[in-house]
Every structure is written in C-alpha cells, then in structure tokens.
Amino acid sequence: MQHRIRIEPEHHNNGGPYGRYTYSWLCSCGAKGYALRSRPAAEHYGREHVSKQGER
C-alpha cells in the first residue's frame, strides 16, 4: 500500500477575534494525526508514520 501524507490546516475560533490554526496529517492508508500546532510538526509526525509502515 502506498502511504501518502496530506497536511490539512484546521481553523479554530476560540472565542477571540482571531482564532488559530492547528494542522492535521492524513495518510492515504487511513491513519491520521490531529491538532498539531504547526505545519512542520504535522509533517514530522506524518513522515514518522510512513517510516514505521515501511518496516513491516
């Protein structure tokens, strides 16, 4: 199975005028990671997931 990571920003309006974004990663195999504070963090966890799958 091919593992491809997609990073998706999610906007949260926490009652303030600006709100903030968190980032989720979604893998084409169905795995996901939610609410990471930055895009680099989401990319890191996504890559970590892919490398773990490669070991099997």
N, C-alpha and C. Protein backbone atom coordinates (compact mmCIF):
# COMPACT_ATOMS: atom_id res chain seq x y z
N MET A 1 0.84 -1.20 0.00
CA MET A 1 0.00 0.00 0.00
C MET A 1 0.87 1.25 0.00
N GLN A 2 0.45 2.22 -0.76
CA GLN A 2 1.18 3.49 -0.84
C GLN A 2 0.75 4.39 0.31
N HIS A 3 1.72 4.95 1.00
CA HIS A 3 1.40 5.88 2.08
C HIS A 3 1.73 7.29 1.61
N ARG A 4 0.72 8.10 1.49
CA ARG A 4 0.93 9.49 1.11
C ARG A 4 0.30 10.38 2.16
N ILE A 5 1.05 11.36 2.61
CA ILE A 5 0.60 12.24 3.69
C ILE A 5 0.05 13.53 3.09
N ARG A 6 -1.09 13.93 3.61
CA ARG A 6 -1.68 15.22 3.25
C ARG A 6 -1.79 16.03 4.53
N ILE A 7 -1.34 17.28 4.49
CA ILE A 7 -1.43 18.15 5.67
C ILE A 7 -2.63 19.07 5.47
N GLU A 8 -3.50 19.14 6.48
CA GLU A 8 -4.67 20.00 6.36
C GLU A 8 -4.75 20.95 7.53
N PRO A 9 -4.79 22.26 7.25
CA PRO A 9 -4.97 23.22 8.33
C PRO A 9 -6.42 23.21 8.81
N GLU A 10 -6.62 23.38 10.10
CA GLU A 10 -7.98 23.49 10.64
C GLU A 10 -8.04 24.77 11.44
N HIS A 11 -9.06 25.56 11.19
CA HIS A 11 -9.18 26.82 11.91
C HIS A 11 -10.07 26.62 13.13
N HIS A 12 -9.61 27.15 14.25
CA HIS A 12 -10.40 27.09 15.49
C HIS A 12 -10.68 28.51 15.92
N ASN A 13 -11.92 28.83 16.12
CA ASN A 13 -12.25 30.15 16.66
C ASN A 13 -12.51 29.97 18.15
N ASN A 14 -11.52 30.30 18.94
CA ASN A 14 -11.63 30.08 20.38
C ASN A 14 -12.20 31.28 21.10
N GLY A 15 -13.23 31.85 20.57
CA GLY A 15 -13.87 32.96 21.25
C GLY A 15 -13.19 34.30 21.05
N GLY A 16 -11.94 34.29 20.58
CA GLY A 16 -11.23 35.55 20.36
C GLY A 16 -11.50 36.07 18.95
N PRO A 17 -11.02 37.25 18.65
CA PRO A 17 -11.26 37.80 17.32
C PRO A 17 -10.48 37.08 16.22
N TYR A 18 -9.40 36.40 16.57
CA TYR A 18 -8.54 35.83 15.54
C TYR A 18 -8.65 34.32 15.40
N GLY A 19 -8.83 33.63 16.50
CA GLY A 19 -8.79 32.17 16.42
C GLY A 19 -7.38 31.73 16.06
N ARG A 20 -7.19 30.43 15.86
CA ARG A 20 -5.88 29.97 15.43
C ARG A 20 -6.02 28.70 14.61
N TYR A 21 -4.93 28.35 13.99
CA TYR A 21 -4.93 27.15 13.17
C TYR A 21 -4.17 26.03 13.87
N THR A 22 -4.67 24.83 13.70
CA THR A 22 -3.86 23.66 14.00
C THR A 22 -3.78 22.87 12.70
N TYR A 23 -2.90 21.90 12.66
CA TYR A 23 -2.69 21.13 11.45
C TYR A 23 -2.91 19.66 11.74
N SER A 24 -3.56 18.99 10.82
CA SER A 24 -3.72 17.55 10.91
C SER A 24 -2.97 16.92 9.76
N TRP A 25 -2.49 15.70 9.98
CA TRP A 25 -1.99 14.94 8.83
C TRP A 25 -2.93 13.77 8.60
N LEU A 26 -3.14 13.46 7.34
CA LEU A 26 -3.98 12.34 6.93
C LEU A 26 -3.16 11.50 5.98
N CYS A 27 -3.13 10.20 6.23
CA CYS A 27 -2.40 9.31 5.32
C CYS A 27 -3.38 8.62 4.41
N SER A 28 -2.93 8.29 3.20
CA SER A 28 -3.80 7.60 2.25
C SER A 28 -4.21 6.21 2.75
N CYS A 29 -3.52 5.68 3.77
CA CYS A 29 -3.92 4.37 4.32
C CYS A 29 -5.03 4.53 5.36
N GLY A 30 -5.39 5.77 5.71
CA GLY A 30 -6.47 5.98 6.67
C GLY A 30 -6.01 6.45 8.04
N ALA A 31 -4.70 6.44 8.30
CA ALA A 31 -4.19 6.93 9.59
C ALA A 31 -4.27 8.45 9.63
N LYS A 32 -4.39 9.00 10.84
CA LYS A 32 -4.49 10.46 10.97
C LYS A 32 -3.80 10.92 12.25
N GLY A 33 -3.40 12.18 12.25
CA GLY A 33 -2.93 12.83 13.46
C GLY A 33 -3.61 14.19 13.53
N TYR A 34 -4.07 14.56 14.69
CA TYR A 34 -4.88 15.78 14.81
C TYR A 34 -4.22 16.86 15.62
N ALA A 35 -4.63 18.10 15.34
CA ALA A 35 -4.42 19.25 16.23
C ALA A 35 -2.96 19.48 16.58
N LEU A 36 -2.09 19.40 15.58
CA LEU A 36 -0.69 19.73 15.82
C LEU A 36 -0.52 21.23 15.62
N ARG A 37 0.36 21.84 16.41
CA ARG A 37 0.39 23.30 16.44
C ARG A 37 1.02 23.93 15.23
N SER A 38 1.82 23.19 14.49
CA SER A 38 2.48 23.80 13.34
C SER A 38 2.53 22.82 12.18
N ARG A 39 2.67 23.36 10.99
CA ARG A 39 2.78 22.52 9.80
C ARG A 39 4.03 21.62 9.87
N PRO A 40 5.20 22.15 10.28
CA PRO A 40 6.37 21.26 10.38
C PRO A 40 6.14 20.09 11.34
N ALA A 41 5.43 20.33 12.45
CA ALA A 41 5.15 19.24 13.39
C ALA A 41 4.27 18.19 12.71
N ALA A 42 3.25 18.64 11.99
CA ALA A 42 2.37 17.69 11.31
C ALA A 42 3.15 16.90 10.27
N GLU A 43 4.03 17.57 9.53
CA GLU A 43 4.84 16.87 8.52
C GLU A 43 5.76 15.86 9.18
N HIS A 44 6.32 16.22 10.34
CA HIS A 44 7.22 15.32 11.06
C HIS A 44 6.48 14.04 11.47
N TYR A 45 5.31 14.19 12.09
CA TYR A 45 4.57 13.01 12.54
C TYR A 45 4.07 12.19 11.36
N GLY A 46 3.71 12.86 10.29
CA GLY A 46 3.30 12.13 9.09
C GLY A 46 4.44 11.28 8.54
N ARG A 47 5.63 11.87 8.47
CA ARG A 47 6.80 11.12 7.97
C ARG A 47 7.14 9.97 8.90
N GLU A 48 7.00 10.20 10.21
CA GLU A 48 7.29 9.15 11.19
C GLU A 48 6.34 7.96 10.98
N HIS A 49 5.07 8.26 10.73
CA HIS A 49 4.09 7.20 10.45
C HIS A 49 4.51 6.41 9.21
N VAL A 50 4.89 7.10 8.14
CA VAL A 50 5.28 6.43 6.90
C VAL A 50 6.50 5.54 7.14
N SER A 51 7.48 6.03 7.88
CA SER A 51 8.67 5.22 8.08
C SER A 51 8.38 3.99 8.94
N LYS A 52 7.45 4.11 9.89
CA LYS A 52 7.06 2.93 10.68
C LYS A 52 6.37 1.89 9.80
N GLN A 53 5.54 2.34 8.88
CA GLN A 53 4.84 1.40 7.99
C GLN A 53 5.84 0.68 7.09
N GLY A 54 6.90 1.38 6.71
CA GLY A 54 7.90 0.79 5.82
C GLY A 54 8.67 -0.37 6.45
N GLU A 55 8.67 -0.45 7.79
CA GLU A 55 9.43 -1.51 8.46
C GLU A 55 8.74 -2.86 8.42
N ARG A 56 7.43 -2.87 8.17
CA ARG A 56 6.70 -4.13 8.23
C ARG A 56 6.97 -5.02 7.04
